[in-house]
Every structure is written in C-alpha cells, then in structure tokens.
C-alpha cells in the first residue's frame, strides 16, 4: 500500500527530469539530414544547406541543438525576423526567393532540430 502512495510522486518527478544534453553534430551528420516534407526539403537544398552544413560559414549547423538551443530560446518570431531581415553573414531571406513566412518557419524548425 505504501508503495502505491509513492507511485504518483515518483511519476511526477520522472516527468520533471531535464532533457538529455544535446550532442554536437559533425558537418557530415548535419549534411545527411533532410526535412521530411518534400517541398521544404527542396527549399532547404536550394537555399540553406550550403551554409548550414559548413562550420566555416559561421551559420549554425542544421540539426545541431548545441548550436541552436540558445537561438531557439529567443523564440520562433525572433528567428523568423532574423531570417527575413538577414543576420551577420546571412543575407535577407537566406537567399530563398520563393519562401513564404510559413516556409521559413518550417525550415527554422528543421534546422533547429525541432521537426
């Protein structure tokens, strides 16, 4: 009976455990990732992949949560604004001339490892 009384507390504490720490990706691991949606995958290949899989560009590697988590913490709207306006070495719109705001959001979620 006592064990049954402790069960809810154990389950509650288990749900409060922090997410496991993110591990850095290699450029090869990042380059192997692909968005699940075919249209978004095409946009990613065309406009994002050439920078977001190469460390020397300064762009955070696609799928590498160690590089994206602090950016993600700013919120999707802030990331969307940075994408549309450009930031540091990234040109406005990230060179995606056919991307809508929803496309950018999907691309950001994918690259941030949130897809």
PDB file of N, CA and C in Angstrom:
ATOM      1  N   UNK A   1       0.819  -1.194   0.000  1.00  0.00           N
ATOM      2  CA  UNK A   1       0.000   0.000   0.000  1.00  0.00           C
ATOM      3  C   UNK A   1       0.864   1.259   0.000  1.00  0.00           C
ATOM      4  N   UNK A   2       1.923   1.248   0.803  1.00  0.00           N
ATOM      5  CA  UNK A   2       2.798   2.416   0.882  1.00  0.00           C
ATOM      6  C   UNK A   2       3.453   2.697  -0.477  1.00  0.00           C
ATOM      7  N   UNK A   3       3.825   1.622  -1.181  1.00  0.00           N
ATOM      8  CA  UNK A   3       4.438   1.783  -2.498  1.00  0.00           C
ATOM      9  C   UNK A   3       3.468   2.454  -3.474  1.00  0.00           C
ATOM     10  N   UNK A   4       2.194   2.130  -3.357  1.00  0.00           N
ATOM     11  CA  UNK A   4       1.200   2.745  -4.233  1.00  0.00           C
ATOM     12  C   UNK A   4       1.059   4.228  -3.950  1.00  0.00           C
ATOM     13  N   UNK A   5       1.237   4.630  -2.723  1.00  0.00           N
ATOM     14  CA  UNK A   5       1.155   6.045  -2.382  1.00  0.00           C
ATOM     15  C   UNK A   5       2.354   6.822  -2.927  1.00  0.00           C
ATOM     16  N   UNK A   6       3.489   6.163  -3.045  1.00  0.00           N
ATOM     17  CA  UNK A   6       4.689   6.822  -3.559  1.00  0.00           C
ATOM     18  C   UNK A   6       4.712   6.899  -5.084  1.00  0.00           C
ATOM     19  N   UNK A   7       3.956   6.045  -5.737  1.00  0.00           N
ATOM     20  CA  UNK A   7       3.973   5.982  -7.192  1.00  0.00           C
ATOM     21  C   UNK A   7       3.669   7.336  -7.848  1.00  0.00           C
ATOM     22  N   UNK A   8       2.628   8.072  -7.451  1.00  0.00           N
ATOM     23  CA  UNK A   8       2.380   9.372  -8.104  1.00  0.00           C
ATOM     24  C   UNK A   8       3.556  10.338  -7.945  1.00  0.00           C
ATOM     25  N   UNK A   9       4.204  10.335  -6.795  1.00  0.00           N
ATOM     26  CA  UNK A   9       5.340  11.228  -6.584  1.00  0.00           C
ATOM     27  C   UNK A   9       6.508  10.846  -7.486  1.00  0.00           C
ATOM     28  N   UNK A  10       6.751   9.560  -7.628  1.00  0.00           N
ATOM     29  CA  UNK A  10       7.838   9.097  -8.491  1.00  0.00           C
ATOM     30  C   UNK A  10       7.547   9.471  -9.937  1.00  0.00           C
ATOM     31  N   UNK A  11       6.316   9.280 -10.377  1.00  0.00           N
ATOM     32  CA  UNK A  11       5.947   9.625 -11.743  1.00  0.00           C
ATOM     33  C   UNK A  11       6.054  11.121 -11.989  1.00  0.00           C
ATOM     34  N   UNK A  12       5.666  11.917 -11.016  1.00  0.00           N
ATOM     35  CA  UNK A  12       5.756  13.364 -11.145  1.00  0.00           C
ATOM     36  C   UNK A  12       7.205  13.794 -11.278  1.00  0.00           C
ATOM     37  N   UNK A  13       8.072  13.251 -10.452  1.00  0.00           N
ATOM     38  CA  UNK A  13       9.491  13.594 -10.514  1.00  0.00           C
ATOM     39  C   UNK A  13      10.125  13.119 -11.817  1.00  0.00           C
ATOM     40  N   UNK A  14       9.705  11.992 -12.308  1.00  0.00           N
ATOM     41  CA  UNK A  14      10.247  11.478 -13.572  1.00  0.00           C
ATOM     42  C   UNK A  14       9.920  12.428 -14.714  1.00  0.00           C
ATOM     43  N   UNK A  15       8.754  13.038 -14.679  1.00  0.00           N
ATOM     44  CA  UNK A  15       8.348  13.986 -15.708  1.00  0.00           C
ATOM     45  C   UNK A  15       9.104  15.297 -15.632  1.00  0.00           C
ATOM     46  N   UNK A  16       9.746  15.572 -14.522  1.00  0.00           N
ATOM     47  CA  UNK A  16      10.486  16.821 -14.337  1.00  0.00           C
ATOM     48  C   UNK A  16      11.953  16.690 -14.691  1.00  0.00           C
ATOM     49  N   UNK A  17      12.371  15.532 -15.108  1.00  0.00           N
ATOM     50  CA  UNK A  17      13.780  15.337 -15.436  1.00  0.00           C
ATOM     51  C   UNK A  17      14.142  16.195 -16.636  1.00  0.00           C
ATOM     52  N   UNK A  18      15.313  16.816 -16.596  1.00  0.00           N
ATOM     53  CA  UNK A  18      15.712  17.637 -17.738  1.00  0.00           C
ATOM     54  C   UNK A  18      15.930  16.778 -18.972  1.00  0.00           C
ATOM     55  N   UNK A  19      15.769  17.427 -20.115  1.00  0.00           N
ATOM     56  CA  UNK A  19      16.012  16.768 -21.388  1.00  0.00           C
ATOM     57  C   UNK A  19      17.487  16.376 -21.450  1.00  0.00           C
ATOM     58  N   UNK A  20      17.821  15.218 -22.030  1.00  0.00           N
ATOM     59  CA  UNK A  20      19.239  14.862 -22.124  1.00  0.00           C
ATOM     60  C   UNK A  20      20.010  15.938 -22.885  1.00  0.00           C
ATOM     61  N   UNK A  21      21.266  16.135 -22.507  1.00  0.00           N
ATOM     62  CA  UNK A  21      22.038  17.180 -23.177  1.00  0.00           C
ATOM     63  C   UNK A  21      22.235  16.860 -24.648  1.00  0.00           C
ATOM     64  N   UNK A  22      22.187  17.923 -25.408  1.00  0.00           N
ATOM     65  CA  UNK A  22      22.407  17.786 -26.845  1.00  0.00           C
ATOM     66  C   UNK A  22      23.870  17.479 -27.108  1.00  0.00           C
ATOM     67  N   UNK A  23      24.105  16.726 -28.142  1.00  0.00           N
ATOM     68  CA  UNK A  23      25.467  16.391 -28.554  1.00  0.00           C
ATOM     69  C   UNK A  23      25.755  17.112 -29.874  1.00  0.00           C
ATOM     70  N   UNK A  24      26.952  17.653 -30.001  1.00  0.00           N
ATOM     71  CA  UNK A  24      27.289  18.325 -31.273  1.00  0.00           C
ATOM     72  C   UNK A  24      27.261  17.344 -32.441  1.00  0.00           C
ATOM     73  N   UNK A  25      26.890  17.850 -33.593  1.00  0.00           N
ATOM     74  CA  UNK A  25      26.916  17.048 -34.819  1.00  0.00           C
ATOM     75  C   UNK A  25      28.179  17.379 -35.604  1.00  0.00           C
ATOM     76  N   UNK A  26      28.645  16.426 -36.346  1.00  0.00           N
ATOM     77  CA  UNK A  26      29.727  16.695 -37.288  1.00  0.00           C
ATOM     78  C   UNK A  26      29.100  17.322 -38.536  1.00  0.00           C
ATOM     79  N   UNK A  27      29.899  18.001 -39.350  1.00  0.00           N
ATOM     80  CA  UNK A  27      29.341  18.522 -40.602  1.00  0.00           C
ATOM     81  C   UNK A  27      28.738  17.417 -41.469  1.00  0.00           C
ATOM     82  N   UNK A  28      29.329  16.236 -41.433  1.00  0.00           N
ATOM     83  CA  UNK A  28      28.799  15.114 -42.229  1.00  0.00           C
ATOM     84  C   UNK A  28      27.430  14.673 -41.715  1.00  0.00           C
ATOM     85  N   UNK A  29      27.278  14.622 -40.387  1.00  0.00           N
ATOM     86  CA  UNK A  29      25.978  14.255 -39.821  1.00  0.00           C
ATOM     87  C   UNK A  29      24.934  15.309 -40.170  1.00  0.00           C
ATOM     88  N   UNK A  30      25.311  16.567 -40.083  1.00  0.00           N
ATOM     89  CA  UNK A  30      24.391  17.651 -40.414  1.00  0.00           C
ATOM     90  C   UNK A  30      23.983  17.567 -41.883  1.00  0.00           C
ATOM     91  N   UNK A  31      24.958  17.337 -42.762  1.00  0.00           N
ATOM     92  CA  UNK A  31      24.681  17.285 -44.199  1.00  0.00           C
ATOM     93  C   UNK A  31      23.780  16.111 -44.584  1.00  0.00           C
ATOM     94  N   UNK A  32      23.775  15.064 -43.772  1.00  0.00           N
ATOM     95  CA  UNK A  32      22.952  13.892 -44.068  1.00  0.00           C
ATOM     96  C   UNK A  32      21.485  14.094 -43.702  1.00  0.00           C
ATOM     97  N   UNK A  33      21.178  15.123 -42.925  1.00  0.00           N
ATOM     98  CA  UNK A  33      19.790  15.375 -42.516  1.00  0.00           C
ATOM     99  C   UNK A  33      18.993  15.978 -43.665  1.00  0.00           C
ATOM    100  N   UNK A  34      17.703  15.665 -43.657  1.00  0.00           N
ATOM    101  CA  UNK A  34      16.824  16.160 -44.718  1.00  0.00           C
ATOM    102  C   UNK A  34      15.427  16.372 -44.129  1.00  0.00           C
ATOM    103  N   UNK A  35      14.794  17.501 -44.413  1.00  0.00           N
ATOM    104  CA  UNK A  35      13.417  17.696 -43.943  1.00  0.00           C
ATOM    105  C   UNK A  35      12.494  16.595 -44.469  1.00  0.00           C
ATOM    106  N   UNK A  36      11.515  16.225 -43.655  1.00  0.00           N
ATOM    107  CA  UNK A  36      10.571  15.168 -44.036  1.00  0.00           C
ATOM    108  C   UNK A  36       9.669  15.594 -45.195  1.00  0.00           C
ATOM    109  N   UNK A  37       9.256  16.848 -45.204  1.00  0.00           N
ATOM    110  CA  UNK A  37       8.375  17.354 -46.248  1.00  0.00           C
ATOM    111  C   UNK A  37       9.190  17.609 -47.525  1.00  0.00           C
ATOM    112  N   UNK A  38       8.742  17.065 -48.645  1.00  0.00           N
ATOM    113  CA  UNK A  38       9.499  17.149 -49.899  1.00  0.00           C
ATOM    114  C   UNK A  38       9.695  18.593 -50.369  1.00  0.00           C
ATOM    115  N   UNK A  39       8.672  19.418 -50.243  1.00  0.00           N
ATOM    116  CA  UNK A  39       8.796  20.821 -50.680  1.00  0.00           C
ATOM    117  C   UNK A  39       9.810  21.560 -49.830  1.00  0.00           C
ATOM    118  N   UNK A  40       9.726  21.395 -48.519  1.00  0.00           N
ATOM    119  CA  UNK A  40      10.661  22.058 -47.596  1.00  0.00           C
ATOM    120  C   UNK A  40      12.071  21.521 -47.837  1.00  0.00           C
ATOM    121  N   UNK A  41      12.183  20.228 -48.118  1.00  0.00           N
ATOM    122  CA  UNK A  41      13.490  19.636 -48.414  1.00  0.00           C
ATOM    123  C   UNK A  41      14.112  20.291 -49.648  1.00  0.00           C
ATOM    124  N   UNK A  42      13.292  20.558 -50.667  1.00  0.00           N
ATOM    125  CA  UNK A  42      13.788  21.221 -51.872  1.00  0.00           C
ATOM    126  C   UNK A  42      14.265  22.634 -51.590  1.00  0.00           C
ATOM    127  N   UNK A  43      13.489  23.367 -50.798  1.00  0.00           N
ATOM    128  CA  UNK A  43      13.891  24.728 -50.428  1.00  0.00           C
ATOM    129  C   UNK A  43      15.178  24.710 -49.608  1.00  0.00           C
ATOM    130  N   UNK A  44      15.272  23.753 -48.696  1.00  0.00           N
ATOM    131  CA  UNK A  44      16.467  23.618 -47.858  1.00  0.00           C
ATOM    132  C   UNK A  44      17.695  23.351 -48.722  1.00  0.00           C
ATOM    133  N   UNK A  45      17.581  22.412 -49.665  1.00  0.00           N
ATOM    134  CA  UNK A  45      18.697  22.081 -50.556  1.00  0.00           C
ATOM    135  C   UNK A  45      19.127  23.301 -51.365  1.00  0.00           C
ATOM    136  N   UNK A  46      18.153  24.061 -51.827  1.00  0.00           N
ATOM    137  CA  UNK A  46      18.412  25.196 -52.703  1.00  0.00           C
ATOM    138  C   UNK A  46      18.993  26.391 -51.948  1.00  0.00           C
ATOM    139  N   UNK A  47      18.506  26.673 -50.748  1.00  0.00           N
ATOM    140  CA  UNK A  47      18.833  27.950 -50.121  1.00  0.00           C
ATOM    141  C   UNK A  47      19.582  27.864 -48.795  1.00  0.00           C
ATOM    142  N   UNK A  48      19.504  26.768 -48.079  1.00  0.00           N
ATOM    143  CA  UNK A  48      20.033  26.744 -46.711  1.00  0.00           C
ATOM    144  C   UNK A  48      21.243  25.831 -46.524  1.00  0.00           C
ATOM    145  N   UNK A  49      21.196  24.692 -47.149  1.00  0.00           N
ATOM    146  CA  UNK A  49      22.158  23.623 -46.872  1.00  0.00           C
ATOM    147  C   UNK A  49      23.603  24.026 -47.113  1.00  0.00           C
ATOM    148  N   UNK A  50      23.861  24.827 -48.135  1.00  0.00           N
ATOM    149  CA  UNK A  50      25.247  25.160 -48.468  1.00  0.00           C
ATOM    150  C   UNK A  50      25.950  25.922 -47.349  1.00  0.00           C
ATOM    151  N   UNK A  51      25.215  26.618 -46.510  1.00  0.00           N
ATOM    152  CA  UNK A  51      25.830  27.326 -45.376  1.00  0.00           C
ATOM    153  C   UNK A  51      25.628  26.593 -44.052  1.00  0.00           C
ATOM    154  N   UNK A  52      24.461  25.993 -43.874  1.00  0.00           N
ATOM    155  CA  UNK A  52      24.120  25.399 -42.581  1.00  0.00           C
ATOM    156  C   UNK A  52      24.645  23.980 -42.391  1.00  0.00           C
ATOM    157  N   UNK A  53      25.592  23.567 -43.237  1.00  0.00           N
ATOM    158  CA  UNK A  53      26.287  22.283 -43.042  1.00  0.00           C
ATOM    159  C   UNK A  53      27.808  22.473 -43.100  1.00  0.00           C
ATOM    160  N   UNK A  54      28.238  23.731 -43.144  1.00  0.00           N
ATOM    161  CA  UNK A  54      29.668  24.054 -43.257  1.00  0.00           C
ATOM    162  C   UNK A  54      30.061  24.957 -42.084  1.00  0.00           C
ATOM    163  N   UNK A  55      30.834  24.442 -41.142  1.00  0.00           N
ATOM    164  CA  UNK A  55      31.180  25.228 -39.948  1.00  0.00           C
ATOM    165  C   UNK A  55      31.863  26.562 -40.252  1.00  0.00           C
ATOM    166  N   UNK A  56      32.680  26.631 -41.290  1.00  0.00           N
ATOM    167  CA  UNK A  56      33.435  27.853 -41.583  1.00  0.00           C
ATOM    168  C   UNK A  56      32.560  29.032 -42.005  1.00  0.00           C
ATOM    169  N   UNK A  57      31.305  28.790 -42.321  1.00  0.00           N
ATOM    170  CA  UNK A  57      30.421  29.894 -42.720  1.00  0.00           C
ATOM    171  C   UNK A  57      29.946  30.697 -41.515  1.00  0.00           C
ATOM    172  N   UNK A  58      30.039  30.120 -40.331  1.00  0.00           N
ATOM    173  CA  UNK A  58      29.535  30.791 -39.132  1.00  0.00           C
ATOM    174  C   UNK A  58      28.065  30.518 -38.877  1.00  0.00           C
ATOM    175  N   UNK A  59      27.396  29.865 -39.814  1.00  0.00           N
ATOM    176  CA  UNK A  59      25.979  29.516 -39.642  1.00  0.00           C
ATOM    177  C   UNK A  59      25.880  28.296 -38.726  1.00  0.00           C
ATOM    178  N   UNK A  60      24.877  28.260 -37.845  1.00  0.00           N
ATOM    179  CA  UNK A  60      24.718  27.066 -37.010  1.00  0.00           C
ATOM    180  C   UNK A  60      24.393  25.852 -37.877  1.00  0.00           C
ATOM    181  N   UNK A  61      25.038  24.730 -37.573  1.00  0.00           N
ATOM    182  CA  UNK A  61      24.810  23.519 -38.348  1.00  0.00           C
ATOM    183  C   UNK A  61      23.370  23.034 -38.193  1.00  0.00           C
ATOM    184  N   UNK A  62      22.767  22.681 -39.293  1.00  0.00           N
ATOM    185  CA  UNK A  62      21.409  22.141 -39.274  1.00  0.00           C
ATOM    186  C   UNK A  62      21.360  20.907 -38.387  1.00  0.00           C
ATOM    187  N   UNK A  63      20.379  20.880 -37.492  1.00  0.00           N
ATOM    188  CA  UNK A  63      20.167  19.737 -36.622  1.00  0.00           C
ATOM    189  C   UNK A  63      21.027  19.707 -35.376  1.00  0.00           C
ATOM    190  N   UNK A  64      21.991  20.611 -35.243  1.00  0.00           N
ATOM    191  CA  UNK A  64      22.889  20.611 -34.090  1.00  0.00           C
ATOM    192  C   UNK A  64      22.289  21.463 -32.976  1.00  0.00           C
ATOM    193  N   UNK A  65      21.625  20.798 -32.053  1.00  0.00           N
ATOM    194  CA  UNK A  65      20.940  21.516 -30.971  1.00  0.00           C
ATOM    195  C   UNK A  65      21.913  22.253 -30.064  1.00  0.00           C
ATOM    196  N   UNK A  66      23.186  21.831 -30.016  1.00  0.00           N
ATOM    197  CA  UNK A  66      24.148  22.570 -29.195  1.00  0.00           C
ATOM    198  C   UNK A  66      24.350  23.979 -29.752  1.00  0.00           C
ATOM    199  N   UNK A  67      24.141  24.141 -31.042  1.00  0.00           N
ATOM    200  CA  UNK A  67      24.276  25.452 -31.660  1.00  0.00           C
ATOM    201  C   UNK A  67      22.943  26.192 -31.778  1.00  0.00           C
ATOM    202  N   UNK A  68      21.844  25.469 -31.758  1.00  0.00           N
ATOM    203  CA  UNK A  68      20.534  26.077 -31.977  1.00  0.00           C
ATOM    204  C   UNK A  68      19.747  26.375 -30.699  1.00  0.00           C
ATOM    205  N   UNK A  69      19.995  25.657 -29.627  1.00  0.00           N
ATOM    206  CA  UNK A  69      19.142  25.808 -28.440  1.00  0.00           C
ATOM    207  C   UNK A  69      19.109  27.235 -27.896  1.00  0.00           C
ATOM    208  N   UNK A  70      20.249  27.934 -27.856  1.00  0.00           N
ATOM    209  CA  UNK A  70      20.232  29.311 -27.360  1.00  0.00           C
ATOM    210  C   UNK A  70      19.488  30.226 -28.331  1.00  0.00           C
ATOM    211  N   UNK A  71      19.605  29.943 -29.600  1.00  0.00           N
ATOM    212  CA  UNK A  71      18.857  30.728 -30.584  1.00  0.00           C
ATOM    213  C   UNK A  71      17.364  30.441 -30.462  1.00  0.00           C
ATOM    214  N   UNK A  72      17.008  29.161 -30.319  1.00  0.00           N
ATOM    215  CA  UNK A  72      15.606  28.750 -30.200  1.00  0.00           C
ATOM    216  C   UNK A  72      14.955  29.399 -28.978  1.00  0.00           C
ATOM    217  N   UNK A  73      15.732  29.575 -27.931  1.00  0.00           N
ATOM    218  CA  UNK A  73      15.206  30.169 -26.692  1.00  0.00           C
ATOM    219  C   UNK A  73      14.726  31.605 -26.913  1.00  0.00           C
ATOM    220  N   UNK A  74      15.185  32.263 -27.953  1.00  0.00           N
ATOM    221  CA  UNK A  74      14.747  33.632 -28.266  1.00  0.00           C
ATOM    222  C   UNK A  74      13.325  33.648 -28.811  1.00  0.00           C
ATOM    223  N   UNK A  75      12.865  32.495 -29.289  1.00  0.00           N
ATOM    224  CA  UNK A  75      11.515  32.378 -29.824  1.00  0.00           C
ATOM    225  C   UNK A  75      11.496  32.317 -31.340  1.00  0.00           C
ATOM    226  N   UNK A  76      10.487  31.634 -31.840  1.00  0.00           N
ATOM    227  CA  UNK A  76      10.367  31.462 -33.295  1.00  0.00           C
ATOM    228  C   UNK A  76      10.191  32.787 -34.019  1.00  0.00           C
ATOM    229  N   UNK A  77       9.478  33.729 -33.405  1.00  0.00           N
ATOM    230  CA  UNK A  77       9.278  35.024 -34.070  1.00  0.00           C
ATOM    231  C   UNK A  77      10.600  35.755 -34.256  1.00  0.00           C
ATOM    232  N   UNK A  78      11.470  35.713 -33.252  1.00  0.00           N
ATOM    233  CA  UNK A  78      12.779  36.363 -33.366  1.00  0.00           C
ATOM    234  C   UNK A  78      13.618  35.697 -34.448  1.00  0.00           C
ATOM    235  N   UNK A  79      13.573  34.370 -34.514  1.00  0.00           N
ATOM    236  CA  UNK A  79      14.322  33.652 -35.549  1.00  0.00           C
ATOM    237  C   UNK A  79      13.770  33.968 -36.937  1.00  0.00           C
ATOM    238  N   UNK A  80      12.464  34.052 -37.043  1.00  0.00           N
ATOM    239  CA  UNK A  80      11.840  34.394 -38.324  1.00  0.00           C
ATOM    240  C   UNK A  80      12.264  35.796 -38.753  1.00  0.00           C
ATOM    241  N   UNK A  81      12.234  36.753 -37.830  1.00  0.00           N
ATOM    242  CA  UNK A  81      12.648  38.120 -38.162  1.00  0.00           C
ATOM    243  C   UNK A  81      14.106  38.167 -38.601  1.00  0.00           C
ATOM    244  N   UNK A  82      14.973  37.433 -37.910  1.00  0.00           N
ATOM    245  CA  UNK A  82      16.387  37.397 -38.295  1.00  0.00           C
ATOM    246  C   UNK A  82      16.554  36.801 -39.682  1.00  0.00           C
ATOM    247  N   UNK A  83      15.760  35.795 -39.993  1.00  0.00           N
ATOM    248  CA  UNK A  83      15.837  35.153 -41.308  1.00  0.00           C
ATOM    249  C   UNK A  83      15.382  36.110 -42.400  1.00  0.00           C
ATOM    250  N   UNK A  84      14.277  36.767 -42.173  1.00  0.00           N
ATOM    251  CA  UNK A  84      13.727  37.664 -43.190  1.00  0.00           C
ATOM    252  C   UNK A  84      14.629  38.876 -43.396  1.00  0.00           C
ATOM    253  N   UNK A  85      15.146  39.434 -42.320  1.00  0.00           N
ATOM    254  CA  UNK A  85      15.990  40.636 -42.413  1.00  0.00           C
ATOM    255  C   UNK A  85      17.453  40.334 -42.720  1.00  0.00           C
ATOM    256  N   UNK A  86      17.882  39.118 -42.408  1.00  0.00           N
ATOM    257  CA  UNK A  86      19.294  38.768 -42.535  1.00  0.00           C
ATOM    258  C   UNK A  86      19.979  39.010 -41.196  1.00  0.00           C
ATOM    259  N   UNK A  87      21.042  38.287 -40.967  1.00  0.00           N
ATOM    260  CA  UNK A  87      21.760  38.414 -39.702  1.00  0.00           C
ATOM    261  C   UNK A  87      23.202  38.010 -39.910  1.00  0.00           C
ATOM    262  N   UNK A  88      24.103  38.855 -39.439  1.00  0.00           N
ATOM    263  CA  UNK A  88      25.535  38.609 -39.602  1.00  0.00           C
ATOM    264  C   UNK A  88      25.821  38.314 -41.080  1.00  0.00           C
ATOM    265  N   UNK A  89      26.342  37.141 -41.394  1.00  0.00           N
ATOM    266  CA  UNK A  89      26.688  36.821 -42.780  1.00  0.00           C
ATOM    267  C   UNK A  89      25.531  36.313 -43.617  1.00  0.00           C
ATOM    268  N   UNK A  90      24.368  36.079 -42.989  1.00  0.00           N
ATOM    269  CA  UNK A  90      23.231  35.552 -43.746  1.00  0.00           C
ATOM    270  C   UNK A  90      22.484  36.702 -44.423  1.00  0.00           C
ATOM    271  N   UNK A  91      22.323  36.624 -45.729  1.00  0.00           N
ATOM    272  CA  UNK A  91      21.587  37.678 -46.427  1.00  0.00           C
ATOM    273  C   UNK A  91      20.102  37.624 -46.091  1.00  0.00           C
ATOM    274  N   UNK A  92      19.431  38.722 -46.316  1.00  0.00           N
ATOM    275  CA  UNK A  92      17.989  38.788 -46.081  1.00  0.00           C
ATOM    276  C   UNK A  92      17.291  37.658 -46.822  1.00  0.00           C
ATOM    277  N   UNK A  93      16.438  36.960 -46.111  1.00  0.00           N
ATOM    278  CA  UNK A  93      15.697  35.859 -46.714  1.00  0.00           C
ATOM    279  C   UNK A  93      16.516  34.601 -46.915  1.00  0.00           C
ATOM    280  N   UNK A  94      17.770  34.642 -46.517  1.00  0.00           N
ATOM    281  CA  UNK A  94      18.616  33.458 -46.670  1.00  0.00           C
ATOM    282  C   UNK A  94      18.739  32.977 -48.100  1.00  0.00           C
ATOM    283  N   UNK A  95      18.561  33.874 -49.039  1.00  0.00           N
ATOM    284  CA  UNK A  95      18.619  33.559 -50.476  1.00  0.00           C
ATOM    285  C   UNK A  95      17.486  32.656 -50.939  1.00  0.00           C
ATOM    286  N   UNK A  96      16.425  32.564 -50.169  1.00  0.00           N
ATOM    287  CA  UNK A  96      15.258  31.785 -50.601  1.00  0.00           C
ATOM    288  C   UNK A  96      14.225  32.762 -51.145  1.00  0.00           C
ATOM    289  N   UNK A  97      14.221  32.924 -52.436  1.00  0.00           N
ATOM    290  CA  UNK A  97      13.364  33.919 -53.062  1.00  0.00           C
ATOM    291  C   UNK A  97      11.913  33.467 -53.204  1.00  0.00           C
ATOM    292  N   UNK A  98      11.661  32.174 -53.020  1.00  0.00           N
ATOM    293  CA  UNK A  98      10.286  31.676 -53.137  1.00  0.00           C
ATOM    294  C   UNK A  98       9.707  31.263 -51.783  1.00  0.00           C
ATOM    295  N   UNK A  99      10.411  31.533 -50.702  1.00  0.00           N
ATOM    296  CA  UNK A  99       9.944  31.123 -49.369  1.00  0.00           C
ATOM    297  C   UNK A  99       8.887  32.072 -48.812  1.00  0.00           C
ATOM    298  N   UNK A 100       7.854  31.497 -48.278  1.00  0.00           N
ATOM    299  CA  UNK A 100       6.834  32.250 -47.544  1.00  0.00           C
ATOM    300  C   UNK A 100       7.231  32.248 -46.068  1.00  0.00           C
ATOM    301  N   UNK A 101       6.588  33.073 -45.239  1.00  0.00           N
ATOM    302  CA  UNK A 101       6.877  33.010 -43.808  1.00  0.00           C
ATOM    303  C   UNK A 101       6.680  31.607 -43.218  1.00  0.00           C
ATOM    304  N   UNK A 102       5.667  30.880 -43.690  1.00  0.00           N
ATOM    305  CA  UNK A 102       5.460  29.512 -43.196  1.00  0.00           C
ATOM    306  C   UNK A 102       6.588  28.581 -43.631  1.00  0.00           C
ATOM    307  N   UNK A 103       7.102  28.798 -44.841  1.00  0.00           N
ATOM    308  CA  UNK A 103       8.256  28.011 -45.302  1.00  0.00           C
ATOM    309  C   UNK A 103       9.452  28.277 -44.392  1.00  0.00           C
ATOM    310  N   UNK A 104       9.705  29.549 -44.115  1.00  0.00           N
ATOM    311  CA  UNK A 104      10.827  29.896 -43.235  1.00  0.00           C
ATOM    312  C   UNK A 104      10.663  29.245 -41.865  1.00  0.00           C
ATOM    313  N   UNK A 105       9.451  29.283 -41.341  1.00  0.00           N
ATOM    314  CA  UNK A 105       9.214  28.662 -40.026  1.00  0.00           C
ATOM    315  C   UNK A 105       9.520  27.168 -40.060  1.00  0.00           C
ATOM    316  N   UNK A 106       9.091  26.496 -41.118  1.00  0.00           N
ATOM    317  CA  UNK A 106       9.362  25.058 -41.247  1.00  0.00           C
ATOM    318  C   UNK A 106      10.863  24.797 -41.383  1.00  0.00           C
ATOM    319  N   UNK A 107      11.540  25.633 -42.146  1.00  0.00           N
ATOM    320  CA  UNK A 107      12.990  25.484 -42.317  1.00  0.00           C
ATOM    321  C   UNK A 107      13.723  25.721 -41.006  1.00  0.00           C
ATOM    322  N   UNK A 108      13.310  26.735 -40.277  1.00  0.00           N
ATOM    323  CA  UNK A 108      13.924  27.031 -38.982  1.00  0.00           C
ATOM    324  C   UNK A 108      13.711  25.872 -38.018  1.00  0.00           C
ATOM    325  N   UNK A 109      12.471  25.355 -37.949  1.00  0.00           N
ATOM    326  CA  UNK A 109      12.190  24.220 -37.056  1.00  0.00           C
ATOM    327  C   UNK A 109      13.064  23.023 -37.412  1.00  0.00           C
ATOM    328  N   UNK A 110      13.196  22.740 -38.702  1.00  0.00           N
ATOM    329  CA  UNK A 110      14.046  21.635 -39.127  1.00  0.00           C
ATOM    330  C   UNK A 110      15.493  21.875 -38.713  1.00  0.00           C
ATOM    331  N   UNK A 111      16.034  23.022 -39.068  1.00  0.00           N
ATOM    332  CA  UNK A 111      17.454  23.268 -38.769  1.00  0.00           C
ATOM    333  C   UNK A 111      17.728  23.331 -37.275  1.00  0.00           C
ATOM    334  N   UNK A 112      16.741  23.778 -36.502  1.00  0.00           N
ATOM    335  CA  UNK A 112      16.905  23.855 -35.048  1.00  0.00           C
ATOM    336  C   UNK A 112      16.691  22.505 -34.369  1.00  0.00           C
ATOM    337  N   UNK A 113      16.395  21.481 -35.158  1.00  0.00           N
ATOM    338  CA  UNK A 113      16.175  20.150 -34.584  1.00  0.00           C
ATOM    339  C   UNK A 113      14.846  20.009 -33.892  1.00  0.00           C
ATOM    340  N   UNK A 114      13.853  20.761 -34.354  1.00  0.00           N
ATOM    341  CA  UNK A 114      12.523  20.743 -33.740  1.00  0.00           C
ATOM    342  C   UNK A 114      11.464  20.172 -34.658  1.00  0.00           C
ATOM    343  N   UNK A 115      11.845  19.539 -35.756  1.00  0.00           N
ATOM    344  CA  UNK A 115      10.876  18.978 -36.702  1.00  0.00           C
ATOM    345  C   UNK A 115      10.382  17.650 -36.228  1.00  0.00           C
TER     346      UNK A 115
END
